[in-house]
Amino acid sequence: PLFESYIAHLRENICEEIDTIYIVAPNTEKELQKFCQENDLVFIDEVSVLGYGKNKISYTVNSINRNGWLFQQLLKLAGDTLAQNKKFATVCSDTILINKQNFNDEGKDIFFENNEWNMEYFKTFKKLFGYQAPHKLSLTSHMMIFDTQRLKEMKREIELKHNSSWDAAYINCCNKNVSAGISDYETYAQ
């Protein structure tokens, strides 16, 4: 019932038309798979997206395992391989939308500013691309609109800079000495 109300809440509070809702989770989540079938949602086994799971990542800070936190960022950044449309939005599952959200204004994507500014995200951006982030605003706001073409271009730039796959470079550039060493939303929006 909680998940059903969350999906209804998303549909009600996102202004743009939603074609498909993808639920990316472990294949062991049988109840979630059944829920997706019954509610016209697309369930995707998280391991199928990148060809590996969170166990491939080693990221522990102060005895707290952060590899799942990093893995979910990679899944969002791989959304261009799943989305059927030119654009897709992600909303973190721990986010409740209080007001209606609009991700587009007259053809321009809207990025949301956040007061939780993290210097590490900007350091990692420079590691990833070799130059400073163009803006000093924090754009990590727990939801994001992605343009699949721009996302592909960003990942291609990372691959060329690091001579490796974009996801391997992303994992390697994350500062694993701090609990929040990189941000998917900050990286993409910048």
N, C-alpha and C. Protein backbone atom coordinates (compact mmCIF):
# COMPACT_ATOMS: atom_id res chain seq x y z
N PRO A 1 0.81 -1.22 0.00
CA PRO A 1 0.00 0.00 0.00
C PRO A 1 0.85 1.28 0.00
N LEU A 2 1.95 1.27 0.73
CA LEU A 2 2.82 2.44 0.79
C LEU A 2 3.43 2.73 -0.58
N PHE A 3 3.90 1.68 -1.25
CA PHE A 3 4.52 1.87 -2.56
C PHE A 3 3.48 2.33 -3.58
N GLU A 4 2.28 1.76 -3.50
CA GLU A 4 1.20 2.15 -4.40
C GLU A 4 0.85 3.62 -4.23
N SER A 5 0.80 4.09 -3.00
CA SER A 5 0.49 5.51 -2.78
C SER A 5 1.65 6.40 -3.23
N TYR A 6 2.89 5.90 -3.13
CA TYR A 6 4.05 6.69 -3.59
C TYR A 6 3.99 6.87 -5.11
N ILE A 7 3.68 5.82 -5.85
CA ILE A 7 3.57 5.91 -7.31
C ILE A 7 2.44 6.86 -7.70
N ALA A 8 1.31 6.76 -7.03
CA ALA A 8 0.19 7.66 -7.30
C ALA A 8 0.61 9.10 -7.01
N HIS A 9 1.35 9.29 -5.94
CA HIS A 9 1.84 10.61 -5.55
C HIS A 9 2.75 11.19 -6.64
N LEU A 10 3.64 10.37 -7.20
CA LEU A 10 4.51 10.84 -8.28
C LEU A 10 3.69 11.27 -9.49
N ARG A 11 2.76 10.42 -9.88
CA ARG A 11 1.94 10.74 -11.06
C ARG A 11 1.14 12.03 -10.85
N GLU A 12 0.72 12.25 -9.65
CA GLU A 12 -0.09 13.43 -9.33
C GLU A 12 0.75 14.71 -9.25
N ASN A 13 2.01 14.59 -8.82
CA ASN A 13 2.80 15.79 -8.54
C ASN A 13 3.89 16.12 -9.55
N ILE A 14 3.98 15.38 -10.63
CA ILE A 14 4.89 15.75 -11.71
C ILE A 14 4.05 16.30 -12.84
N CYS A 15 4.33 17.52 -13.24
CA CYS A 15 3.49 18.21 -14.21
C CYS A 15 3.56 17.60 -15.61
N GLU A 16 4.72 17.12 -16.01
CA GLU A 16 4.87 16.55 -17.34
C GLU A 16 4.15 15.21 -17.44
N GLU A 17 3.79 14.84 -18.66
CA GLU A 17 3.15 13.55 -18.87
C GLU A 17 4.18 12.45 -18.63
N ILE A 18 3.79 11.43 -17.91
CA ILE A 18 4.67 10.30 -17.63
C ILE A 18 4.23 9.14 -18.51
N ASP A 19 5.14 8.72 -19.41
CA ASP A 19 4.84 7.58 -20.29
C ASP A 19 5.05 6.26 -19.56
N THR A 20 6.21 6.12 -18.96
CA THR A 20 6.60 4.85 -18.35
C THR A 20 7.31 5.13 -17.03
N ILE A 21 6.99 4.34 -16.04
CA ILE A 21 7.74 4.41 -14.78
C ILE A 21 8.55 3.12 -14.67
N TYR A 22 9.85 3.30 -14.54
CA TYR A 22 10.77 2.17 -14.38
C TYR A 22 11.12 2.04 -12.91
N ILE A 23 11.08 0.84 -12.41
CA ILE A 23 11.51 0.53 -11.06
C ILE A 23 12.76 -0.34 -11.20
N VAL A 24 13.89 0.19 -10.76
CA VAL A 24 15.16 -0.54 -10.86
C VAL A 24 15.50 -1.03 -9.46
N ALA A 25 15.59 -2.34 -9.31
CA ALA A 25 15.79 -2.93 -7.99
C ALA A 25 16.42 -4.31 -8.16
N PRO A 26 16.83 -4.92 -7.04
CA PRO A 26 17.38 -6.28 -7.11
C PRO A 26 16.33 -7.29 -7.60
N ASN A 27 16.75 -8.25 -8.37
CA ASN A 27 15.87 -9.28 -8.90
C ASN A 27 15.22 -10.12 -7.80
N THR A 28 15.77 -10.06 -6.60
CA THR A 28 15.22 -10.82 -5.47
C THR A 28 13.92 -10.21 -4.93
N GLU A 29 13.58 -9.02 -5.37
CA GLU A 29 12.38 -8.31 -4.90
C GLU A 29 11.14 -8.82 -5.64
N LYS A 30 10.70 -10.02 -5.29
CA LYS A 30 9.58 -10.67 -5.99
C LYS A 30 8.26 -9.93 -5.79
N GLU A 31 8.00 -9.43 -4.59
CA GLU A 31 6.75 -8.68 -4.35
C GLU A 31 6.72 -7.40 -5.19
N LEU A 32 7.87 -6.75 -5.30
CA LEU A 32 7.96 -5.54 -6.11
C LEU A 32 7.74 -5.86 -7.58
N GLN A 33 8.28 -6.95 -8.04
CA GLN A 33 8.07 -7.36 -9.44
C GLN A 33 6.58 -7.60 -9.70
N LYS A 34 5.92 -8.28 -8.76
CA LYS A 34 4.49 -8.53 -8.89
C LYS A 34 3.71 -7.21 -8.91
N PHE A 35 4.08 -6.30 -8.01
CA PHE A 35 3.44 -4.99 -7.97
C PHE A 35 3.60 -4.27 -9.31
N CYS A 36 4.78 -4.32 -9.89
CA CYS A 36 5.03 -3.67 -11.17
C CYS A 36 4.14 -4.26 -12.27
N GLN A 37 4.04 -5.57 -12.31
CA GLN A 37 3.18 -6.25 -13.30
C GLN A 37 1.72 -5.80 -13.14
N GLU A 38 1.26 -5.73 -11.92
CA GLU A 38 -0.14 -5.40 -11.66
C GLU A 38 -0.47 -3.92 -11.88
N ASN A 39 0.55 -3.06 -11.91
CA ASN A 39 0.32 -1.62 -11.99
C ASN A 39 0.95 -0.96 -13.20
N ASP A 40 1.22 -1.75 -14.24
CA ASP A 40 1.75 -1.22 -15.51
C ASP A 40 3.05 -0.43 -15.32
N LEU A 41 3.93 -0.95 -14.46
CA LEU A 41 5.25 -0.38 -14.25
C LEU A 41 6.28 -1.35 -14.84
N VAL A 42 7.42 -0.84 -15.22
CA VAL A 42 8.46 -1.70 -15.79
C VAL A 42 9.50 -1.99 -14.72
N PHE A 43 9.62 -3.27 -14.36
CA PHE A 43 10.63 -3.68 -13.38
C PHE A 43 11.91 -4.04 -14.14
N ILE A 44 13.04 -3.52 -13.66
CA ILE A 44 14.33 -3.83 -14.27
C ILE A 44 15.27 -4.31 -13.17
N ASP A 45 15.84 -5.47 -13.40
CA ASP A 45 16.83 -6.02 -12.47
C ASP A 45 18.06 -5.11 -12.53
N GLU A 46 18.43 -4.56 -11.39
CA GLU A 46 19.51 -3.58 -11.34
C GLU A 46 20.83 -4.12 -11.89
N VAL A 47 21.09 -5.39 -11.76
CA VAL A 47 22.34 -5.98 -12.26
C VAL A 47 22.39 -5.95 -13.78
N SER A 48 21.24 -6.00 -14.44
CA SER A 48 21.20 -6.01 -15.90
C SER A 48 21.57 -4.65 -16.51
N VAL A 49 21.48 -3.59 -15.74
CA VAL A 49 21.72 -2.24 -16.29
C VAL A 49 23.19 -2.04 -16.66
N LEU A 50 24.08 -2.36 -15.75
CA LEU A 50 25.51 -2.16 -15.98
C LEU A 50 26.28 -3.47 -16.15
N GLY A 51 25.59 -4.57 -15.90
CA GLY A 51 26.25 -5.87 -16.00
C GLY A 51 26.90 -6.32 -14.71
N TYR A 52 26.69 -5.57 -13.63
CA TYR A 52 27.22 -5.91 -12.31
C TYR A 52 26.35 -5.25 -11.25
N GLY A 53 26.54 -5.69 -10.03
CA GLY A 53 25.78 -5.14 -8.91
C GLY A 53 26.64 -4.30 -8.00
N LYS A 54 26.05 -3.86 -6.92
CA LYS A 54 26.76 -2.99 -5.98
C LYS A 54 27.96 -3.67 -5.33
N ASN A 55 27.97 -4.99 -5.32
CA ASN A 55 29.08 -5.71 -4.71
C ASN A 55 30.40 -5.53 -5.46
N LYS A 56 30.33 -5.03 -6.70
CA LYS A 56 31.56 -4.76 -7.47
C LYS A 56 32.29 -3.53 -6.93
N ILE A 57 31.58 -2.69 -6.22
CA ILE A 57 32.13 -1.42 -5.73
C ILE A 57 32.62 -1.59 -4.31
N SER A 58 33.78 -1.04 -4.04
CA SER A 58 34.33 -1.06 -2.69
C SER A 58 34.36 0.38 -2.17
N TYR A 59 33.48 0.67 -1.22
CA TYR A 59 33.37 2.05 -0.72
C TYR A 59 32.83 1.99 0.70
N THR A 60 33.71 2.00 1.68
CA THR A 60 33.35 1.97 3.09
C THR A 60 34.03 3.12 3.80
N VAL A 61 33.25 3.89 4.55
CA VAL A 61 33.77 5.03 5.31
C VAL A 61 33.33 4.87 6.76
N ASN A 62 34.29 4.89 7.69
CA ASN A 62 33.99 4.73 9.11
C ASN A 62 33.10 3.52 9.37
N SER A 63 33.45 2.41 8.78
CA SER A 63 32.73 1.14 8.92
C SER A 63 31.33 1.14 8.33
N ILE A 64 30.98 2.17 7.55
CA ILE A 64 29.67 2.23 6.91
C ILE A 64 29.84 1.96 5.41
N ASN A 65 29.15 0.93 4.94
CA ASN A 65 29.22 0.55 3.54
C ASN A 65 28.44 1.55 2.69
N ARG A 66 29.12 2.18 1.74
CA ARG A 66 28.49 3.19 0.88
C ARG A 66 28.38 2.72 -0.57
N ASN A 67 28.71 1.44 -0.84
CA ASN A 67 28.71 1.00 -2.24
C ASN A 67 27.31 1.03 -2.87
N GLY A 68 26.26 0.78 -2.10
CA GLY A 68 24.91 0.88 -2.64
C GLY A 68 24.55 2.32 -3.01
N TRP A 69 25.02 3.26 -2.21
CA TRP A 69 24.77 4.68 -2.47
C TRP A 69 25.44 5.10 -3.78
N LEU A 70 26.66 4.62 -4.00
CA LEU A 70 27.36 4.94 -5.24
C LEU A 70 26.74 4.20 -6.43
N PHE A 71 26.34 2.95 -6.22
CA PHE A 71 25.75 2.16 -7.28
C PHE A 71 24.45 2.78 -7.79
N GLN A 72 23.62 3.31 -6.90
CA GLN A 72 22.36 3.91 -7.36
C GLN A 72 22.62 5.14 -8.21
N GLN A 73 23.73 5.84 -7.98
CA GLN A 73 24.07 6.97 -8.85
C GLN A 73 24.40 6.48 -10.26
N LEU A 74 25.16 5.39 -10.33
CA LEU A 74 25.51 4.82 -11.63
C LEU A 74 24.26 4.37 -12.38
N LEU A 75 23.30 3.80 -11.66
CA LEU A 75 22.05 3.37 -12.29
C LEU A 75 21.31 4.56 -12.91
N LYS A 76 21.25 5.67 -12.19
CA LYS A 76 20.58 6.85 -12.74
C LYS A 76 21.31 7.37 -13.97
N LEU A 77 22.64 7.38 -13.90
CA LEU A 77 23.42 7.87 -15.04
C LEU A 77 23.38 6.91 -16.23
N ALA A 78 22.93 5.71 -16.01
CA ALA A 78 22.75 4.74 -17.11
C ALA A 78 21.32 4.78 -17.65
N GLY A 79 20.53 5.71 -17.18
CA GLY A 79 19.13 5.80 -17.59
C GLY A 79 18.93 5.97 -19.07
N ASP A 80 19.91 6.53 -19.76
CA ASP A 80 19.77 6.69 -21.21
C ASP A 80 19.71 5.35 -21.93
N THR A 81 20.18 4.29 -21.30
CA THR A 81 20.12 2.96 -21.92
C THR A 81 18.75 2.31 -21.69
N LEU A 82 17.96 2.88 -20.79
CA LEU A 82 16.64 2.33 -20.47
C LEU A 82 15.50 3.15 -21.07
N ALA A 83 15.64 4.45 -21.01
CA ALA A 83 14.56 5.36 -21.41
C ALA A 83 14.25 5.24 -22.90
N GLN A 84 12.97 5.25 -23.21
CA GLN A 84 12.51 5.19 -24.60
C GLN A 84 12.36 6.59 -25.20
N ASN A 85 12.30 7.60 -24.36
CA ASN A 85 12.09 8.97 -24.82
C ASN A 85 13.40 9.76 -24.80
N LYS A 86 13.37 10.94 -25.39
CA LYS A 86 14.56 11.81 -25.41
C LYS A 86 14.92 12.29 -24.01
N LYS A 87 13.94 12.40 -23.15
CA LYS A 87 14.19 12.88 -21.79
C LYS A 87 13.56 11.93 -20.79
N PHE A 88 14.18 11.88 -19.62
CA PHE A 88 13.61 11.10 -18.53
C PHE A 88 13.93 11.81 -17.22
N ALA A 89 13.10 11.58 -16.24
CA ALA A 89 13.30 12.18 -14.92
C ALA A 89 13.53 11.08 -13.91
N THR A 90 14.33 11.39 -12.91
CA THR A 90 14.51 10.47 -11.78
C THR A 90 14.12 11.23 -10.52
N VAL A 91 13.51 10.50 -9.62
CA VAL A 91 13.17 11.04 -8.30
C VAL A 91 13.66 9.99 -7.31
N CYS A 92 14.50 10.41 -6.38
CA CYS A 92 15.01 9.47 -5.38
C CYS A 92 13.85 8.89 -4.58
N SER A 93 13.93 7.61 -4.26
CA SER A 93 12.80 6.93 -3.61
C SER A 93 12.53 7.43 -2.19
N ASP A 94 13.47 8.18 -1.61
CA ASP A 94 13.24 8.74 -0.28
C ASP A 94 12.73 10.18 -0.35
N THR A 95 12.29 10.59 -1.54
CA THR A 95 11.82 11.96 -1.75
C THR A 95 10.31 11.99 -1.92
N ILE A 96 9.66 12.81 -1.13
CA ILE A 96 8.22 13.04 -1.24
C ILE A 96 8.03 14.44 -1.81
N LEU A 97 7.31 14.53 -2.91
CA LEU A 97 7.06 15.83 -3.54
C LEU A 97 5.89 16.50 -2.82
N ILE A 98 6.15 17.65 -2.23
CA ILE A 98 5.11 18.36 -1.48
C ILE A 98 4.24 19.18 -2.42
N ASN A 99 4.87 19.75 -3.44
CA ASN A 99 4.16 20.55 -4.43
C ASN A 99 4.33 19.91 -5.81
N LYS A 100 3.52 20.32 -6.76
CA LYS A 100 3.69 19.86 -8.13
C LYS A 100 5.05 20.32 -8.63
N GLN A 101 5.74 19.43 -9.36
CA GLN A 101 7.07 19.73 -9.88
C GLN A 101 7.02 19.77 -11.40
N ASN A 102 7.65 20.78 -11.93
CA ASN A 102 7.74 20.95 -13.38
C ASN A 102 9.21 20.86 -13.74
N PHE A 103 9.56 19.95 -14.62
CA PHE A 103 10.95 19.76 -15.03
C PHE A 103 11.28 20.49 -16.32
N ASN A 104 10.29 21.19 -16.89
CA ASN A 104 10.51 21.86 -18.16
C ASN A 104 9.71 23.15 -18.19
N ASP A 105 10.34 24.19 -18.72
CA ASP A 105 9.68 25.47 -18.86
C ASP A 105 9.94 25.99 -20.27
N GLU A 106 8.90 25.97 -21.10
CA GLU A 106 8.99 26.43 -22.48
C GLU A 106 10.18 25.81 -23.22
N GLY A 107 10.33 24.50 -23.07
CA GLY A 107 11.37 23.78 -23.80
C GLY A 107 12.73 23.75 -23.12
N LYS A 108 12.86 24.40 -21.98
CA LYS A 108 14.13 24.42 -21.26
C LYS A 108 14.02 23.56 -20.01
N ASP A 109 15.03 22.71 -19.81
CA ASP A 109 15.05 21.86 -18.62
C ASP A 109 15.25 22.70 -17.37
N ILE A 110 14.60 22.29 -16.29
CA ILE A 110 14.71 22.98 -15.01
C ILE A 110 15.55 22.12 -14.07
N PHE A 111 16.59 22.72 -13.52
CA PHE A 111 17.40 22.07 -12.49
C PHE A 111 17.12 22.80 -11.18
N PHE A 112 17.00 22.03 -10.12
CA PHE A 112 16.65 22.60 -8.83
C PHE A 112 17.89 22.83 -7.99
N GLU A 113 17.97 24.00 -7.39
CA GLU A 113 19.09 24.36 -6.51
C GLU A 113 18.85 23.76 -5.13
N ASN A 114 19.95 23.49 -4.45
CA ASN A 114 19.88 22.92 -3.11
C ASN A 114 20.81 23.70 -2.20
N ASN A 115 20.41 23.88 -0.96
CA ASN A 115 21.26 24.59 0.02
C ASN A 115 22.37 23.71 0.58
N GLU A 116 22.26 22.39 0.39
CA GLU A 116 23.27 21.46 0.90
C GLU A 116 24.47 21.43 -0.05
N TRP A 117 25.34 22.39 0.07
CA TRP A 117 26.49 22.53 -0.82
C TRP A 117 27.63 21.66 -0.32
N ASN A 118 28.19 20.82 -1.20
CA ASN A 118 29.24 19.89 -0.82
C ASN A 118 30.47 20.13 -1.70
N MET A 119 31.54 20.65 -1.12
CA MET A 119 32.76 20.95 -1.87
C MET A 119 33.33 19.72 -2.57
N GLU A 120 33.15 18.55 -1.96
CA GLU A 120 33.69 17.31 -2.54
C GLU A 120 33.12 17.05 -3.93
N TYR A 121 31.86 17.39 -4.15
CA TYR A 121 31.24 17.18 -5.45
C TYR A 121 31.94 18.01 -6.53
N PHE A 122 32.38 19.19 -6.17
CA PHE A 122 33.06 20.07 -7.12
C PHE A 122 34.49 19.61 -7.37
N LYS A 123 35.14 19.07 -6.34
CA LYS A 123 36.48 18.50 -6.51
C LYS A 123 36.41 17.29 -7.45
N THR A 124 35.42 16.46 -7.24
CA THR A 124 35.27 15.26 -8.06
C THR A 124 34.91 15.63 -9.50
N PHE A 125 34.11 16.66 -9.67
CA PHE A 125 33.79 17.12 -11.02
C PHE A 125 35.08 17.46 -11.77
N LYS A 126 35.98 18.18 -11.10
CA LYS A 126 37.24 18.55 -11.73
C LYS A 126 38.09 17.31 -12.05
N LYS A 127 38.06 16.33 -11.16
CA LYS A 127 38.77 15.07 -11.43
C LYS A 127 38.20 14.37 -12.65
N LEU A 128 36.90 14.37 -12.77
CA LEU A 128 36.24 13.69 -13.88
C LEU A 128 36.51 14.35 -15.22
N PHE A 129 36.46 15.69 -15.26
CA PHE A 129 36.51 16.40 -16.53
C PHE A 129 37.80 17.18 -16.79
N GLY A 130 38.57 17.45 -15.74
CA GLY A 130 39.81 18.20 -15.92
C GLY A 130 39.63 19.71 -15.90
N TYR A 131 38.44 20.18 -15.59
CA TYR A 131 38.16 21.61 -15.47
C TYR A 131 37.13 21.84 -14.38
N GLN A 132 37.05 23.08 -13.92
CA GLN A 132 36.13 23.44 -12.83
C GLN A 132 34.68 23.34 -13.30
N ALA A 133 33.79 23.04 -12.39
CA ALA A 133 32.36 23.08 -12.67
C ALA A 133 31.98 24.50 -13.05
N PRO A 134 31.13 24.69 -14.05
CA PRO A 134 30.81 26.04 -14.51
C PRO A 134 30.00 26.90 -13.53
N HIS A 135 29.31 26.26 -12.60
CA HIS A 135 28.47 27.01 -11.65
C HIS A 135 28.85 26.65 -10.22
N LYS A 136 28.64 27.58 -9.32
CA LYS A 136 28.92 27.34 -7.90
C LYS A 136 27.67 26.93 -7.13
N LEU A 137 26.52 26.95 -7.79
CA LEU A 137 25.28 26.52 -7.14
C LEU A 137 25.30 25.02 -6.94
N SER A 138 24.69 24.55 -5.88
CA SER A 138 24.52 23.11 -5.69
C SER A 138 23.24 22.69 -6.41
N LEU A 139 23.35 21.72 -7.29
CA LEU A 139 22.22 21.27 -8.07
C LEU A 139 21.84 19.83 -7.72
N THR A 140 22.25 19.37 -6.56
CA THR A 140 21.90 18.05 -6.07
C THR A 140 20.63 18.17 -5.25
N SER A 141 19.49 17.87 -5.89
CA SER A 141 18.21 18.12 -5.22
C SER A 141 17.30 16.90 -5.15
N HIS A 142 17.83 15.71 -5.33
CA HIS A 142 17.09 14.46 -5.16
C HIS A 142 16.08 14.18 -6.25
N MET A 143 16.14 14.97 -7.34
CA MET A 143 15.36 14.71 -8.55
C MET A 143 16.04 15.45 -9.69
N MET A 144 15.91 14.90 -10.90
CA MET A 144 16.62 15.49 -12.02
C MET A 144 15.95 15.11 -13.32
N ILE A 145 15.96 16.04 -14.26
CA ILE A 145 15.56 15.75 -15.63
C ILE A 145 16.84 15.49 -16.42
N PHE A 146 16.84 14.42 -17.20
CA PHE A 146 18.00 14.07 -18.02
C PHE A 146 17.61 14.10 -19.49
N ASP A 147 18.48 14.63 -20.31
CA ASP A 147 18.37 14.57 -21.75
C ASP A 147 19.30 13.43 -22.19
N THR A 148 18.75 12.42 -22.84
CA THR A 148 19.56 11.23 -23.14
C THR A 148 20.77 11.55 -24.01
N GLN A 149 20.63 12.47 -24.97
CA GLN A 149 21.75 12.82 -25.83
C GLN A 149 22.86 13.52 -25.04
N ARG A 150 22.47 14.46 -24.21
CA ARG A 150 23.48 15.16 -23.39
C ARG A 150 24.16 14.22 -22.40
N LEU A 151 23.39 13.28 -21.86
CA LEU A 151 23.95 12.30 -20.94
C LEU A 151 24.98 11.43 -21.66
N LYS A 152 24.66 10.98 -22.88
CA LYS A 152 25.60 10.18 -23.67
C LYS A 152 26.87 10.98 -23.95
N GLU A 153 26.71 12.26 -24.30
CA GLU A 153 27.87 13.12 -24.57
C GLU A 153 28.74 13.28 -23.33
N MET A 154 28.12 13.46 -22.17
CA MET A 154 28.87 13.60 -20.93
C MET A 154 29.67 12.33 -20.65
N LYS A 155 29.04 11.19 -20.80
CA LYS A 155 29.72 9.93 -20.53
C LYS A 155 30.84 9.68 -21.54
N ARG A 156 30.62 10.07 -22.78
CA ARG A 156 31.67 9.94 -23.80
C ARG A 156 32.88 10.81 -23.44
N GLU A 157 32.61 12.03 -22.95
CA GLU A 157 33.69 12.92 -22.53
C GLU A 157 34.49 12.30 -21.38
N ILE A 158 33.80 11.71 -20.42
CA ILE A 158 34.48 11.05 -19.29
C ILE A 158 35.34 9.90 -19.80
N GLU A 159 34.79 9.10 -20.72
CA GLU A 159 35.54 7.95 -21.25
C GLU A 159 36.81 8.39 -21.98
N LEU A 160 36.70 9.44 -22.78
CA LEU A 160 37.87 9.95 -23.51
C LEU A 160 38.92 10.50 -22.55
N LYS A 161 38.48 11.20 -21.54
CA LYS A 161 39.41 11.80 -20.56
C LYS A 161 40.15 10.73 -19.76
N HIS A 162 39.47 9.64 -19.42
CA HIS A 162 40.04 8.63 -18.53
C HIS A 162 40.46 7.33 -19.23
N ASN A 163 40.18 7.26 -20.52
CA ASN A 163 40.54 6.07 -21.30
C ASN A 163 40.01 4.79 -20.64
N SER A 164 38.77 4.87 -20.18
CA SER A 164 38.10 3.73 -19.56
C SER A 164 36.60 3.92 -19.73
N SER A 165 35.84 2.95 -19.27
CA SER A 165 34.39 3.11 -19.31
C SER A 165 34.00 4.26 -18.38
N TRP A 166 32.90 4.91 -18.68
CA TRP A 166 32.46 6.05 -17.87
C TRP A 166 32.20 5.63 -16.43
N ASP A 167 31.60 4.45 -16.23
CA ASP A 167 31.27 4.03 -14.87
C ASP A 167 32.51 3.69 -14.07
N ALA A 168 33.52 3.09 -14.70
CA ALA A 168 34.79 2.81 -13.99
C ALA A 168 35.46 4.12 -13.60
N ALA A 169 35.46 5.09 -14.50
CA ALA A 169 36.06 6.40 -14.19
C ALA A 169 35.30 7.08 -13.06
N TYR A 170 33.98 6.98 -13.08
CA TYR A 170 33.14 7.60 -12.05
C TYR A 170 33.46 7.00 -10.68
N ILE A 171 33.55 5.67 -10.63
CA ILE A 171 33.89 4.99 -9.38
C ILE A 171 35.28 5.39 -8.91
N ASN A 172 36.24 5.41 -9.83
CA ASN A 172 37.63 5.73 -9.47
C ASN A 172 37.81 7.18 -9.04
N CYS A 173 37.02 8.09 -9.58
CA CYS A 173 37.16 9.51 -9.21
C CYS A 173 36.48 9.85 -7.89
N CYS A 174 35.58 9.01 -7.43
CA CYS A 174 34.91 9.26 -6.16
C CYS A 174 35.93 9.22 -5.02
N ASN A 175 35.90 10.23 -4.17
CA ASN A 175 36.76 10.25 -2.99
C ASN A 175 36.15 9.29 -1.96
N LYS A 176 36.76 8.14 -1.81
CA LYS A 176 36.21 7.11 -0.93
C LYS A 176 36.64 7.28 0.52
N ASN A 177 37.25 8.42 0.84
CA ASN A 177 37.60 8.74 2.23
C ASN A 177 36.52 9.55 2.94
N VAL A 178 35.52 9.97 2.18
CA VAL A 178 34.40 10.73 2.74
C VAL A 178 33.11 10.00 2.39
N SER A 179 32.05 10.24 3.15
CA SER A 179 30.81 9.49 2.95
C SER A 179 30.02 9.93 1.71
N ALA A 180 30.26 11.13 1.23
CA ALA A 180 29.58 11.61 0.02
C ALA A 180 30.65 12.17 -0.91
N GLY A 181 31.30 11.27 -1.65
CA GLY A 181 32.46 11.66 -2.44
C GLY A 181 32.19 12.01 -3.88
N ILE A 182 30.94 11.96 -4.32
CA ILE A 182 30.60 12.29 -5.71
C ILE A 182 29.09 12.44 -5.80
N SER A 183 28.61 13.16 -6.80
CA SER A 183 27.16 13.32 -6.96
C SER A 183 26.78 13.22 -8.42
N ASP A 184 25.90 12.27 -8.73
CA ASP A 184 25.39 12.10 -10.08
C ASP A 184 24.66 13.35 -10.56
N TYR A 185 23.78 13.88 -9.73
CA TYR A 185 23.02 15.06 -10.12
C TYR A 185 23.92 16.27 -10.33
N GLU A 186 24.86 16.48 -9.43
CA GLU A 186 25.78 17.62 -9.57
C GLU A 186 26.61 17.47 -10.83
N THR A 187 27.12 16.28 -11.06
CA THR A 187 27.95 16.03 -12.22
C THR A 187 27.18 16.31 -13.51
N TYR A 188 26.00 15.76 -13.62
CA TYR A 188 25.21 15.95 -14.85
C TYR A 188 24.78 17.42 -15.01
N ALA A 189 24.24 18.01 -13.99
CA ALA A 189 23.70 19.38 -14.10
C ALA A 189 24.80 20.40 -14.40
N GLN A 190 25.98 20.19 -13.83
CA GLN A 190 27.08 21.11 -14.09
C GLN A 190 27.56 20.97 -15.53
